[in-house]
Amino acid sequence: MSFRTVYGNQWSEAGWRMCNRDECERIYVEGANNDNLAAMIVRSGPAEVVLRAWATWYHHNVEPLDLYAPAPGDDWGWSATNDVADSNHLSGTALDFNATQYPWGVDASRVMPRARIAKIREGLDLFRGFVFWGQDWSRKDPMHYQIGVPEFDPDGAPNRGLAAFAAELENGLHGILAPAPDSDDPRTDPQVLAGFFQLIPPSRWPK
């Protein structure tokens, strides 16, 4: 696991350390053709959870992320280089969605229906400021979403609010990310299910 200096910067615009690829992991969005999302690579840890949840919510509520471009697609995350010297892509804390449709420097109102913009705003409210939209910069970037808080709290500890919000998402907040199955639930316990299938003939197994 390693960090780096890029274009003379050790920190990205939102206050995250510039990182190498080995600090990151690929996002998988439930229900999407993930072959077309191969470049959605982000910083491991709470940032990954929050960005994966945002990508999942966007895919199911705003528009599909695998819609416009074949593999590897036009949805991007971490990058080794960037035209912006302190880009949050360089720290693995930003994603671009359907980038071929929403050019950098173009206001969302020129490339998105009003209802789509309203839906994005609705989703951002659910994410409590932990996701920031590039549409809100002076130079608009409607494809771009990033973690909206810095990596560390003022006392130097990893951002507690982000970690707590990520934990809420993993535990089923808003129903975006399904929580891990409860091993005490007989409906999902693997030993109970195995015993059940031994008691009935294959012809009567649930389809």
N, C-alpha and C. Protein backbone atom coordinates (compact mmCIF):
# COMPACT_ATOMS: atom_id res chain seq x y z
N MET A 1 0.85 -1.18 0.00
CA MET A 1 0.00 0.00 0.00
C MET A 1 0.89 1.23 0.00
N SER A 2 0.61 2.19 -0.90
CA SER A 2 1.58 3.28 -1.03
C SER A 2 0.92 4.56 -1.52
N PHE A 3 1.59 5.66 -1.18
CA PHE A 3 1.13 6.99 -1.56
C PHE A 3 2.21 7.65 -2.40
N ARG A 4 1.92 8.82 -2.95
CA ARG A 4 2.83 9.41 -3.93
C ARG A 4 2.68 10.92 -3.97
N THR A 5 3.60 11.53 -4.66
CA THR A 5 3.52 12.95 -4.99
C THR A 5 3.26 13.05 -6.49
N VAL A 6 2.23 13.81 -6.87
CA VAL A 6 1.85 13.95 -8.27
C VAL A 6 1.82 15.43 -8.63
N TYR A 7 2.57 15.80 -9.66
CA TYR A 7 2.64 17.20 -10.09
C TYR A 7 3.00 18.12 -8.91
N GLY A 8 3.83 17.61 -8.01
CA GLY A 8 4.24 18.39 -6.85
C GLY A 8 3.27 18.37 -5.69
N ASN A 9 2.15 17.65 -5.82
CA ASN A 9 1.12 17.61 -4.78
C ASN A 9 1.10 16.27 -4.07
N GLN A 10 1.02 16.31 -2.75
CA GLN A 10 0.82 15.10 -1.96
C GLN A 10 -0.64 14.90 -1.57
N TRP A 11 -1.45 15.95 -1.74
CA TRP A 11 -2.86 15.92 -1.34
C TRP A 11 -3.73 16.37 -2.50
N SER A 12 -4.88 15.75 -2.65
CA SER A 12 -5.83 16.16 -3.68
C SER A 12 -6.70 17.31 -3.19
N GLU A 13 -7.48 17.86 -4.08
CA GLU A 13 -8.29 19.06 -3.80
C GLU A 13 -9.18 18.90 -2.58
N ALA A 14 -9.73 17.71 -2.35
CA ALA A 14 -10.65 17.49 -1.24
C ALA A 14 -9.95 17.05 0.04
N GLY A 15 -8.61 17.01 0.04
CA GLY A 15 -7.90 16.71 1.27
C GLY A 15 -7.60 15.24 1.49
N TRP A 16 -7.30 14.53 0.41
CA TRP A 16 -6.92 13.11 0.50
C TRP A 16 -5.51 12.93 -0.05
N ARG A 17 -4.78 12.00 0.55
CA ARG A 17 -3.43 11.73 0.07
C ARG A 17 -3.48 11.14 -1.34
N MET A 18 -2.60 11.63 -2.19
CA MET A 18 -2.45 11.03 -3.51
C MET A 18 -1.97 9.59 -3.34
N CYS A 19 -2.57 8.67 -4.07
CA CYS A 19 -2.25 7.26 -3.84
C CYS A 19 -1.94 6.54 -5.14
N ASN A 20 -1.27 5.42 -4.99
CA ASN A 20 -1.04 4.50 -6.10
C ASN A 20 -2.21 3.53 -6.23
N ARG A 21 -2.19 2.78 -7.30
CA ARG A 21 -3.28 1.84 -7.59
C ARG A 21 -3.45 0.81 -6.47
N ASP A 22 -2.37 0.49 -5.76
CA ASP A 22 -2.47 -0.56 -4.74
C ASP A 22 -3.23 -0.12 -3.50
N GLU A 23 -3.61 1.16 -3.42
CA GLU A 23 -4.48 1.62 -2.34
C GLU A 23 -5.96 1.51 -2.71
N CYS A 24 -6.23 1.02 -3.90
CA CYS A 24 -7.58 1.09 -4.46
C CYS A 24 -8.15 -0.29 -4.76
N GLU A 25 -9.44 -0.31 -5.03
CA GLU A 25 -10.11 -1.52 -5.47
C GLU A 25 -11.20 -1.15 -6.47
N ARG A 26 -11.61 -2.14 -7.23
CA ARG A 26 -12.63 -1.90 -8.24
C ARG A 26 -14.02 -1.99 -7.63
N ILE A 27 -14.89 -1.09 -8.04
CA ILE A 27 -16.29 -1.10 -7.62
C ILE A 27 -17.09 -2.04 -8.51
N TYR A 28 -17.98 -2.79 -7.89
CA TYR A 28 -18.95 -3.60 -8.61
C TYR A 28 -20.35 -3.12 -8.23
N VAL A 29 -21.17 -2.84 -9.23
CA VAL A 29 -22.51 -2.31 -9.02
C VAL A 29 -23.52 -3.41 -9.27
N GLU A 30 -24.30 -3.74 -8.27
CA GLU A 30 -25.30 -4.80 -8.40
C GLU A 30 -26.30 -4.44 -9.48
N GLY A 31 -26.55 -5.39 -10.39
CA GLY A 31 -27.52 -5.19 -11.44
C GLY A 31 -26.98 -4.56 -12.70
N ALA A 32 -25.71 -4.15 -12.70
CA ALA A 32 -25.10 -3.53 -13.88
C ALA A 32 -24.26 -4.54 -14.65
N ASN A 33 -23.99 -4.23 -15.91
CA ASN A 33 -23.01 -4.98 -16.67
C ASN A 33 -21.63 -4.45 -16.26
N ASN A 34 -21.02 -5.13 -15.31
CA ASN A 34 -19.79 -4.59 -14.72
C ASN A 34 -18.60 -4.67 -15.66
N ASP A 35 -18.71 -5.40 -16.76
CA ASP A 35 -17.65 -5.34 -17.78
C ASP A 35 -17.52 -3.92 -18.32
N ASN A 36 -18.63 -3.19 -18.34
CA ASN A 36 -18.62 -1.81 -18.84
C ASN A 36 -18.26 -0.80 -17.76
N LEU A 37 -17.94 -1.29 -16.56
CA LEU A 37 -17.57 -0.41 -15.45
C LEU A 37 -16.16 -0.72 -14.97
N ALA A 38 -15.33 -1.24 -15.86
CA ALA A 38 -14.02 -1.76 -15.45
C ALA A 38 -13.08 -0.69 -14.92
N ALA A 39 -13.32 0.57 -15.25
CA ALA A 39 -12.43 1.64 -14.80
C ALA A 39 -12.91 2.31 -13.52
N MET A 40 -13.95 1.78 -12.90
CA MET A 40 -14.46 2.36 -11.66
C MET A 40 -13.64 1.82 -10.49
N ILE A 41 -12.49 2.42 -10.29
CA ILE A 41 -11.51 2.00 -9.29
C ILE A 41 -11.38 3.15 -8.28
N VAL A 42 -11.52 2.82 -7.00
CA VAL A 42 -11.52 3.87 -5.98
C VAL A 42 -10.73 3.43 -4.75
N ARG A 43 -10.51 4.37 -3.88
CA ARG A 43 -9.75 4.16 -2.64
C ARG A 43 -10.45 3.15 -1.74
N SER A 44 -9.72 2.15 -1.27
CA SER A 44 -10.28 1.14 -0.37
C SER A 44 -10.69 1.77 0.96
N GLY A 45 -11.62 1.12 1.64
CA GLY A 45 -12.06 1.61 2.95
C GLY A 45 -13.40 2.31 2.86
N PRO A 46 -13.70 3.21 3.80
CA PRO A 46 -14.99 3.90 3.80
C PRO A 46 -15.29 4.64 2.50
N ALA A 47 -14.27 5.19 1.85
CA ALA A 47 -14.51 5.89 0.58
C ALA A 47 -15.08 4.94 -0.46
N GLU A 48 -14.57 3.72 -0.50
CA GLU A 48 -15.09 2.73 -1.46
C GLU A 48 -16.54 2.41 -1.16
N VAL A 49 -16.88 2.22 0.10
CA VAL A 49 -18.26 1.89 0.47
C VAL A 49 -19.20 3.01 0.03
N VAL A 50 -18.84 4.25 0.34
CA VAL A 50 -19.71 5.38 0.02
C VAL A 50 -19.83 5.57 -1.49
N LEU A 51 -18.72 5.48 -2.21
CA LEU A 51 -18.78 5.66 -3.67
C LEU A 51 -19.49 4.50 -4.35
N ARG A 52 -19.31 3.30 -3.82
CA ARG A 52 -20.05 2.14 -4.39
C ARG A 52 -21.55 2.30 -4.16
N ALA A 53 -21.92 2.75 -2.97
CA ALA A 53 -23.33 2.98 -2.69
C ALA A 53 -23.90 4.08 -3.59
N TRP A 54 -23.12 5.15 -3.78
CA TRP A 54 -23.58 6.22 -4.65
C TRP A 54 -23.73 5.73 -6.09
N ALA A 55 -22.76 4.98 -6.57
CA ALA A 55 -22.85 4.44 -7.93
C ALA A 55 -24.06 3.53 -8.07
N THR A 56 -24.32 2.72 -7.06
CA THR A 56 -25.46 1.80 -7.10
C THR A 56 -26.77 2.58 -7.10
N TRP A 57 -26.87 3.58 -6.22
CA TRP A 57 -28.09 4.39 -6.17
C TRP A 57 -28.31 5.10 -7.50
N TYR A 58 -27.26 5.69 -8.04
CA TYR A 58 -27.36 6.40 -9.31
C TYR A 58 -27.80 5.45 -10.43
N HIS A 59 -27.19 4.28 -10.49
CA HIS A 59 -27.50 3.32 -11.55
C HIS A 59 -28.98 2.93 -11.54
N HIS A 60 -29.55 2.78 -10.36
CA HIS A 60 -30.93 2.30 -10.24
C HIS A 60 -31.96 3.43 -10.19
N ASN A 61 -31.54 4.66 -9.92
CA ASN A 61 -32.50 5.73 -9.73
C ASN A 61 -32.36 6.90 -10.70
N VAL A 62 -31.17 7.09 -11.26
CA VAL A 62 -30.95 8.22 -12.17
C VAL A 62 -30.89 7.73 -13.61
N GLU A 63 -29.89 6.94 -13.93
CA GLU A 63 -29.77 6.31 -15.25
C GLU A 63 -28.71 5.23 -15.15
N PRO A 64 -28.77 4.21 -16.02
CA PRO A 64 -27.78 3.14 -15.96
C PRO A 64 -26.37 3.66 -16.24
N LEU A 65 -25.42 3.11 -15.51
CA LEU A 65 -24.02 3.48 -15.70
C LEU A 65 -23.38 2.72 -16.86
N ASP A 66 -23.99 1.64 -17.29
CA ASP A 66 -23.42 0.82 -18.36
C ASP A 66 -24.11 1.11 -19.70
N LEU A 67 -24.69 2.28 -19.83
CA LEU A 67 -25.61 2.56 -20.93
C LEU A 67 -24.94 2.98 -22.23
N TYR A 68 -23.91 3.82 -22.16
CA TYR A 68 -23.48 4.54 -23.35
C TYR A 68 -22.24 3.99 -24.04
N ALA A 69 -21.39 3.29 -23.33
CA ALA A 69 -20.11 2.88 -23.93
C ALA A 69 -19.82 1.42 -23.61
N PRO A 70 -19.32 0.66 -24.59
CA PRO A 70 -18.94 -0.73 -24.32
C PRO A 70 -17.70 -0.80 -23.44
N ALA A 71 -17.39 -2.01 -22.99
CA ALA A 71 -16.24 -2.22 -22.11
C ALA A 71 -14.98 -1.59 -22.72
N PRO A 72 -14.16 -0.92 -21.92
CA PRO A 72 -14.27 -0.78 -20.46
C PRO A 72 -15.22 0.31 -20.00
N GLY A 73 -15.94 0.96 -20.90
CA GLY A 73 -16.96 1.91 -20.51
C GLY A 73 -16.47 3.34 -20.38
N ASP A 74 -17.41 4.21 -19.96
CA ASP A 74 -17.08 5.63 -19.79
C ASP A 74 -17.38 6.10 -18.37
N ASP A 75 -17.13 5.20 -17.42
CA ASP A 75 -17.27 5.51 -15.99
C ASP A 75 -15.90 5.30 -15.36
N TRP A 76 -15.32 6.35 -14.79
CA TRP A 76 -13.90 6.34 -14.44
C TRP A 76 -13.68 6.69 -12.98
N GLY A 77 -12.62 6.13 -12.41
CA GLY A 77 -12.26 6.43 -11.03
C GLY A 77 -10.81 6.88 -10.92
N TRP A 78 -10.04 6.12 -10.13
CA TRP A 78 -8.62 6.46 -9.91
C TRP A 78 -7.89 6.60 -11.23
N SER A 79 -6.95 7.53 -11.27
CA SER A 79 -6.09 7.67 -12.45
C SER A 79 -4.66 7.96 -12.02
N ALA A 80 -3.73 7.48 -12.81
CA ALA A 80 -2.31 7.73 -12.52
C ALA A 80 -1.93 9.16 -12.86
N THR A 81 -2.57 9.73 -13.89
CA THR A 81 -2.30 11.10 -14.33
C THR A 81 -3.63 11.81 -14.53
N ASN A 82 -3.57 13.14 -14.67
CA ASN A 82 -4.80 13.89 -14.86
C ASN A 82 -4.46 15.28 -15.37
N ASP A 83 -5.39 15.89 -16.11
CA ASP A 83 -5.17 17.25 -16.59
C ASP A 83 -5.22 18.27 -15.45
N VAL A 84 -5.85 17.90 -14.33
CA VAL A 84 -5.93 18.78 -13.16
C VAL A 84 -4.93 18.29 -12.12
N ALA A 85 -4.01 19.15 -11.72
CA ALA A 85 -2.87 18.71 -10.90
C ALA A 85 -3.25 18.19 -9.53
N ASP A 86 -4.36 18.69 -8.96
CA ASP A 86 -4.78 18.21 -7.64
C ASP A 86 -6.10 17.44 -7.71
N SER A 87 -6.36 16.81 -8.86
CA SER A 87 -7.61 16.08 -9.07
C SER A 87 -7.82 15.01 -8.01
N ASN A 88 -9.06 14.85 -7.60
CA ASN A 88 -9.40 13.80 -6.64
C ASN A 88 -9.38 12.41 -7.27
N HIS A 89 -9.34 12.34 -8.58
CA HIS A 89 -9.10 11.04 -9.23
C HIS A 89 -7.71 10.51 -8.88
N LEU A 90 -6.78 11.40 -8.65
CA LEU A 90 -5.41 10.99 -8.33
C LEU A 90 -5.30 10.40 -6.93
N SER A 91 -6.30 10.66 -6.09
CA SER A 91 -6.34 10.07 -4.75
C SER A 91 -7.35 8.94 -4.65
N GLY A 92 -7.99 8.59 -5.77
CA GLY A 92 -8.94 7.48 -5.77
C GLY A 92 -10.25 7.79 -5.07
N THR A 93 -10.61 9.06 -4.98
CA THR A 93 -11.81 9.43 -4.24
C THR A 93 -12.86 10.10 -5.11
N ALA A 94 -12.80 9.88 -6.42
CA ALA A 94 -13.75 10.49 -7.34
C ALA A 94 -14.15 9.50 -8.42
N LEU A 95 -15.36 9.69 -8.93
CA LEU A 95 -15.89 8.89 -10.04
C LEU A 95 -16.51 9.82 -11.07
N ASP A 96 -16.35 9.47 -12.34
CA ASP A 96 -17.06 10.12 -13.43
C ASP A 96 -18.09 9.14 -13.97
N PHE A 97 -19.35 9.58 -14.09
CA PHE A 97 -20.44 8.73 -14.56
C PHE A 97 -20.83 9.13 -15.98
N ASN A 98 -20.93 8.13 -16.87
CA ASN A 98 -21.37 8.37 -18.25
C ASN A 98 -20.67 9.60 -18.83
N ALA A 99 -19.35 9.57 -18.72
CA ALA A 99 -18.55 10.76 -18.99
C ALA A 99 -18.66 11.26 -20.43
N THR A 100 -18.91 10.36 -21.37
CA THR A 100 -19.01 10.79 -22.76
C THR A 100 -20.24 11.66 -23.02
N GLN A 101 -21.19 11.62 -22.12
CA GLN A 101 -22.44 12.38 -22.29
C GLN A 101 -22.43 13.73 -21.59
N TYR A 102 -21.54 13.90 -20.60
CA TYR A 102 -21.60 15.07 -19.73
C TYR A 102 -20.23 15.74 -19.67
N PRO A 103 -19.86 16.52 -20.66
CA PRO A 103 -18.50 17.04 -20.77
C PRO A 103 -18.13 18.01 -19.65
N TRP A 104 -16.87 17.97 -19.30
CA TRP A 104 -16.30 18.92 -18.34
C TRP A 104 -16.45 20.33 -18.89
N GLY A 105 -16.89 21.25 -18.05
CA GLY A 105 -17.05 22.64 -18.45
C GLY A 105 -18.41 22.99 -19.01
N VAL A 106 -19.32 22.00 -19.09
CA VAL A 106 -20.66 22.23 -19.61
C VAL A 106 -21.67 22.10 -18.47
N ASP A 107 -22.54 23.07 -18.32
CA ASP A 107 -23.54 23.04 -17.26
C ASP A 107 -24.49 21.86 -17.46
N ALA A 108 -24.86 21.22 -16.36
CA ALA A 108 -25.76 20.06 -16.43
C ALA A 108 -27.07 20.40 -17.12
N SER A 109 -27.53 21.63 -16.98
CA SER A 109 -28.81 22.02 -17.58
C SER A 109 -28.78 21.95 -19.10
N ARG A 110 -27.59 21.92 -19.69
CA ARG A 110 -27.48 21.84 -21.15
C ARG A 110 -27.42 20.40 -21.65
N VAL A 111 -27.16 19.45 -20.76
CA VAL A 111 -26.96 18.06 -21.21
C VAL A 111 -27.83 17.06 -20.46
N MET A 112 -28.58 17.49 -19.47
CA MET A 112 -29.46 16.60 -18.70
C MET A 112 -30.86 17.19 -18.63
N PRO A 113 -31.89 16.34 -18.68
CA PRO A 113 -33.24 16.83 -18.42
C PRO A 113 -33.36 17.36 -16.99
N ARG A 114 -34.27 18.29 -16.80
CA ARG A 114 -34.46 18.88 -15.47
C ARG A 114 -34.79 17.82 -14.42
N ALA A 115 -35.58 16.83 -14.81
CA ALA A 115 -35.96 15.78 -13.85
C ALA A 115 -34.75 14.96 -13.41
N ARG A 116 -33.80 14.76 -14.31
CA ARG A 116 -32.59 14.00 -13.94
C ARG A 116 -31.75 14.78 -12.94
N ILE A 117 -31.62 16.06 -13.16
CA ILE A 117 -30.87 16.89 -12.22
C ILE A 117 -31.54 16.85 -10.85
N ALA A 118 -32.87 16.95 -10.83
CA ALA A 118 -33.60 16.91 -9.56
C ALA A 118 -33.40 15.58 -8.85
N LYS A 119 -33.37 14.50 -9.62
CA LYS A 119 -33.17 13.18 -9.01
C LYS A 119 -31.77 13.08 -8.41
N ILE A 120 -30.77 13.60 -9.09
CA ILE A 120 -29.41 13.60 -8.54
C ILE A 120 -29.38 14.38 -7.23
N ARG A 121 -30.03 15.53 -7.20
CA ARG A 121 -30.07 16.33 -5.97
C ARG A 121 -30.76 15.55 -4.84
N GLU A 122 -31.80 14.84 -5.18
CA GLU A 122 -32.49 14.02 -4.19
C GLU A 122 -31.53 12.98 -3.60
N GLY A 123 -30.75 12.34 -4.46
CA GLY A 123 -29.79 11.35 -3.99
C GLY A 123 -28.69 11.96 -3.15
N LEU A 124 -28.20 13.11 -3.56
CA LEU A 124 -27.15 13.77 -2.79
C LEU A 124 -27.63 14.11 -1.38
N ASP A 125 -28.90 14.47 -1.25
CA ASP A 125 -29.44 14.73 0.09
C ASP A 125 -29.38 13.48 0.95
N LEU A 126 -29.64 12.32 0.36
CA LEU A 126 -29.56 11.07 1.11
C LEU A 126 -28.14 10.80 1.60
N PHE A 127 -27.15 11.32 0.88
CA PHE A 127 -25.75 11.05 1.21
C PHE A 127 -25.13 12.12 2.11
N ARG A 128 -25.93 13.06 2.60
CA ARG A 128 -25.59 13.95 3.72
C ARG A 128 -24.29 14.74 3.55
N GLY A 129 -23.94 15.06 2.32
CA GLY A 129 -22.72 15.83 2.11
C GLY A 129 -21.46 14.99 1.97
N PHE A 130 -21.58 13.69 2.11
CA PHE A 130 -20.41 12.82 1.96
C PHE A 130 -20.08 12.57 0.49
N VAL A 131 -20.98 12.95 -0.41
CA VAL A 131 -20.70 12.93 -1.85
C VAL A 131 -20.93 14.34 -2.38
N PHE A 132 -19.97 14.83 -3.15
CA PHE A 132 -20.03 16.16 -3.76
C PHE A 132 -20.14 16.01 -5.27
N TRP A 133 -20.95 16.86 -5.91
CA TRP A 133 -21.16 16.83 -7.36
C TRP A 133 -20.37 17.96 -8.01
N GLY A 134 -19.63 17.61 -9.07
CA GLY A 134 -18.84 18.60 -9.78
C GLY A 134 -19.65 19.70 -10.44
N GLN A 135 -20.95 19.50 -10.59
CA GLN A 135 -21.83 20.56 -11.09
C GLN A 135 -21.79 21.79 -10.19
N ASP A 136 -21.40 21.62 -8.94
CA ASP A 136 -21.41 22.73 -7.98
C ASP A 136 -20.10 23.51 -7.95
N TRP A 137 -19.14 23.17 -8.79
CA TRP A 137 -17.96 23.99 -8.96
C TRP A 137 -18.27 25.17 -9.89
N SER A 138 -17.42 26.19 -9.84
CA SER A 138 -17.62 27.32 -10.75
C SER A 138 -17.45 26.88 -12.20
N ARG A 139 -16.45 26.03 -12.45
CA ARG A 139 -16.37 25.40 -13.77
C ARG A 139 -17.07 24.05 -13.67
N LYS A 140 -18.22 23.93 -14.28
CA LYS A 140 -19.10 22.79 -14.09
C LYS A 140 -18.46 21.50 -14.59
N ASP A 141 -18.73 20.42 -13.86
CA ASP A 141 -18.24 19.10 -14.25
C ASP A 141 -19.34 18.09 -13.93
N PRO A 142 -20.40 18.04 -14.75
CA PRO A 142 -21.58 17.27 -14.39
C PRO A 142 -21.40 15.76 -14.37
N MET A 143 -20.33 15.26 -14.95
CA MET A 143 -20.06 13.82 -14.88
C MET A 143 -19.48 13.40 -13.53
N HIS A 144 -18.98 14.34 -12.74
CA HIS A 144 -18.03 14.09 -11.66
C HIS A 144 -18.68 14.07 -10.28
N TYR A 145 -18.34 13.03 -9.50
CA TYR A 145 -18.77 12.90 -8.11
C TYR A 145 -17.57 12.49 -7.27
N GLN A 146 -17.48 13.01 -6.05
CA GLN A 146 -16.31 12.71 -5.22
C GLN A 146 -16.70 12.68 -3.75
N ILE A 147 -15.84 12.10 -2.94
CA ILE A 147 -16.04 12.16 -1.50
C ILE A 147 -16.02 13.62 -1.07
N GLY A 148 -17.00 14.01 -0.27
CA GLY A 148 -17.18 15.42 0.06
C GLY A 148 -16.53 15.88 1.33
N VAL A 149 -15.75 15.02 1.97
CA VAL A 149 -15.08 15.39 3.23
C VAL A 149 -13.61 14.97 3.13
N PRO A 150 -12.73 15.59 3.93
CA PRO A 150 -11.30 15.23 3.87
C PRO A 150 -11.03 13.86 4.50
N GLU A 151 -9.83 13.38 4.24
CA GLU A 151 -9.43 12.05 4.71
C GLU A 151 -9.34 11.98 6.23
N PHE A 152 -8.90 13.06 6.86
CA PHE A 152 -8.65 13.05 8.31
C PHE A 152 -9.46 14.13 9.03
N ASP A 153 -9.80 13.84 10.27
CA ASP A 153 -10.38 14.84 11.16
C ASP A 153 -9.28 15.80 11.63
N PRO A 154 -9.64 16.93 12.24
CA PRO A 154 -8.62 17.90 12.68
C PRO A 154 -7.59 17.33 13.64
N ASP A 155 -7.96 16.29 14.41
CA ASP A 155 -7.00 15.70 15.35
C ASP A 155 -6.10 14.66 14.70
N GLY A 156 -6.22 14.46 13.38
CA GLY A 156 -5.37 13.53 12.66
C GLY A 156 -5.91 12.13 12.54
N ALA A 157 -7.06 11.86 13.15
CA ALA A 157 -7.68 10.54 13.03
C ALA A 157 -8.41 10.42 11.70
N PRO A 158 -8.51 9.21 11.15
CA PRO A 158 -9.32 9.03 9.93
C PRO A 158 -10.73 9.58 10.15
N ASN A 159 -11.29 10.16 9.11
CA ASN A 159 -12.57 10.86 9.21
C ASN A 159 -13.65 9.98 9.84
N ARG A 160 -14.05 10.34 11.04
CA ARG A 160 -15.00 9.51 11.79
C ARG A 160 -16.40 9.56 11.18
N GLY A 161 -16.80 10.73 10.72
CA GLY A 161 -18.12 10.85 10.13
C GLY A 161 -18.27 9.99 8.89
N LEU A 162 -17.24 9.98 8.05
CA LEU A 162 -17.27 9.16 6.84
C LEU A 162 -17.33 7.68 7.20
N ALA A 163 -16.53 7.27 8.17
CA ALA A 163 -16.53 5.86 8.58
C ALA A 163 -17.89 5.45 9.13
N ALA A 164 -18.50 6.32 9.93
CA ALA A 164 -19.80 6.01 10.50
C ALA A 164 -20.87 5.92 9.42
N PHE A 165 -20.83 6.84 8.45
CA PHE A 165 -21.81 6.80 7.37
C PHE A 165 -21.63 5.56 6.51
N ALA A 166 -20.37 5.19 6.23
CA ALA A 166 -20.11 3.97 5.47
C ALA A 166 -20.67 2.75 6.20
N ALA A 167 -20.51 2.71 7.52
CA ALA A 167 -21.04 1.59 8.30
C ALA A 167 -22.56 1.55 8.22
N GLU A 168 -23.21 2.71 8.26
CA GLU A 168 -24.66 2.74 8.11
C GLU A 168 -25.09 2.17 6.75
N LEU A 169 -24.38 2.56 5.70
CA LEU A 169 -24.71 2.05 4.37
C LEU A 169 -24.55 0.54 4.32
N GLU A 170 -23.47 0.03 4.90
CA GLU A 170 -23.24 -1.42 4.89
C GLU A 170 -24.29 -2.16 5.69
N ASN A 171 -24.91 -1.48 6.64
CA ASN A 171 -25.95 -2.09 7.46
C ASN A 171 -27.35 -1.85 6.91
N GLY A 172 -27.43 -1.35 5.67
CA GLY A 172 -28.72 -1.30 5.01
C GLY A 172 -29.37 0.06 4.92
N LEU A 173 -28.67 1.16 5.26
CA LEU A 173 -29.26 2.49 5.17
C LEU A 173 -29.80 2.74 3.76
N HIS A 174 -31.04 3.20 3.68
CA HIS A 174 -31.73 3.51 2.42
C HIS A 174 -31.92 2.28 1.53
N GLY A 175 -31.53 1.09 2.00
CA GLY A 175 -31.70 -0.13 1.21
C GLY A 175 -30.82 -0.19 -0.03
N ILE A 176 -29.72 0.54 -0.03
CA ILE A 176 -28.86 0.58 -1.21
C ILE A 176 -27.93 -0.62 -1.26
N LEU A 177 -27.22 -0.86 -0.18
CA LEU A 177 -26.33 -2.00 -0.08
C LEU A 177 -26.95 -2.99 0.88
N ALA A 178 -27.19 -4.21 0.43
CA ALA A 178 -27.80 -5.21 1.29
C ALA A 178 -26.84 -5.59 2.40
N PRO A 179 -27.30 -5.66 3.66
CA PRO A 179 -26.42 -6.11 4.74
C PRO A 179 -26.07 -7.58 4.58
N ALA A 180 -24.99 -7.99 5.21
CA ALA A 180 -24.59 -9.39 5.17
C ALA A 180 -25.69 -10.25 5.77
N PRO A 181 -25.95 -11.45 5.22
CA PRO A 181 -26.98 -12.33 5.78
C PRO A 181 -26.71 -12.63 7.25
N ASP A 182 -27.77 -12.70 8.03
CA ASP A 182 -27.69 -13.02 9.45
C ASP A 182 -27.54 -14.53 9.59
N SER A 183 -26.40 -14.98 10.13
CA SER A 183 -26.15 -16.42 10.23
C SER A 183 -27.10 -17.09 11.21
N ASP A 184 -27.79 -16.28 12.08
CA ASP A 184 -28.74 -16.85 13.01
C ASP A 184 -30.13 -17.01 12.40
N ASP A 185 -30.31 -16.52 11.20
CA ASP A 185 -31.59 -16.62 10.53
C ASP A 185 -31.68 -17.98 9.85
N PRO A 186 -32.61 -18.86 10.25
CA PRO A 186 -32.68 -20.20 9.65
C PRO A 186 -32.96 -20.18 8.16
N ARG A 187 -33.50 -19.07 7.65
CA ARG A 187 -33.79 -19.01 6.22
C ARG A 187 -32.53 -18.84 5.40
N THR A 188 -31.44 -18.36 6.02
CA THR A 188 -30.20 -18.14 5.27
C THR A 188 -29.03 -18.95 5.81
N ASP A 189 -29.21 -19.64 6.93
CA ASP A 189 -28.12 -20.42 7.49
C ASP A 189 -27.78 -21.58 6.55
N PRO A 190 -26.53 -21.70 6.10
CA PRO A 190 -26.18 -22.72 5.11
C PRO A 190 -26.40 -24.14 5.61
N GLN A 191 -26.19 -24.41 6.89
CA GLN A 191 -26.40 -25.76 7.40
C GLN A 191 -27.89 -26.13 7.39
N VAL A 192 -28.74 -25.17 7.74
CA VAL A 192 -30.18 -25.42 7.68
C VAL A 192 -30.62 -25.68 6.25
N LEU A 193 -30.12 -24.86 5.32
CA LEU A 193 -30.50 -25.04 3.92
C LEU A 193 -30.01 -26.38 3.39
N ALA A 194 -28.80 -26.78 3.76
CA ALA A 194 -28.27 -28.08 3.30
C ALA A 194 -29.15 -29.22 3.81
N GLY A 195 -29.55 -29.15 5.08
CA GLY A 195 -30.42 -30.19 5.63
C GLY A 195 -31.76 -30.22 4.94
N PHE A 196 -32.29 -29.04 4.61
CA PHE A 196 -33.57 -28.96 3.93
C PHE A 196 -33.53 -29.67 2.58
N PHE A 197 -32.46 -29.43 1.82
CA PHE A 197 -32.37 -30.02 0.49
C PHE A 197 -32.13 -31.53 0.54
N GLN A 198 -31.64 -32.05 1.68
CA GLN A 198 -31.47 -33.49 1.82
C GLN A 198 -32.80 -34.19 2.09
N LEU A 199 -33.78 -33.44 2.58
CA LEU A 199 -35.05 -34.04 2.98
C LEU A 199 -36.07 -34.11 1.87
N ILE A 200 -35.86 -33.36 0.79
CA ILE A 200 -36.84 -33.37 -0.29
C ILE A 200 -36.17 -33.77 -1.59
N PRO A 201 -36.90 -34.41 -2.48
CA PRO A 201 -36.30 -34.82 -3.76
C PRO A 201 -35.98 -33.61 -4.63
N PRO A 202 -34.98 -33.75 -5.51
CA PRO A 202 -34.59 -32.62 -6.36
C PRO A 202 -35.73 -32.04 -7.18
N SER A 203 -36.71 -32.89 -7.56
CA SER A 203 -37.82 -32.40 -8.37
C SER A 203 -38.67 -31.37 -7.66
N ARG A 204 -38.54 -31.33 -6.32
CA ARG A 204 -39.35 -30.38 -5.55
C ARG A 204 -38.53 -29.23 -4.99
N TRP A 205 -37.24 -29.13 -5.38
CA TRP A 205 -36.43 -28.01 -4.92
C TRP A 205 -36.99 -26.70 -5.49
N PRO A 206 -36.94 -25.63 -4.72
CA PRO A 206 -37.41 -24.34 -5.25
C PRO A 206 -36.57 -23.89 -6.44
N LYS A 207 -37.24 -23.34 -7.41
CA LYS A 207 -36.56 -22.89 -8.63
C LYS A 207 -36.11 -21.45 -8.48
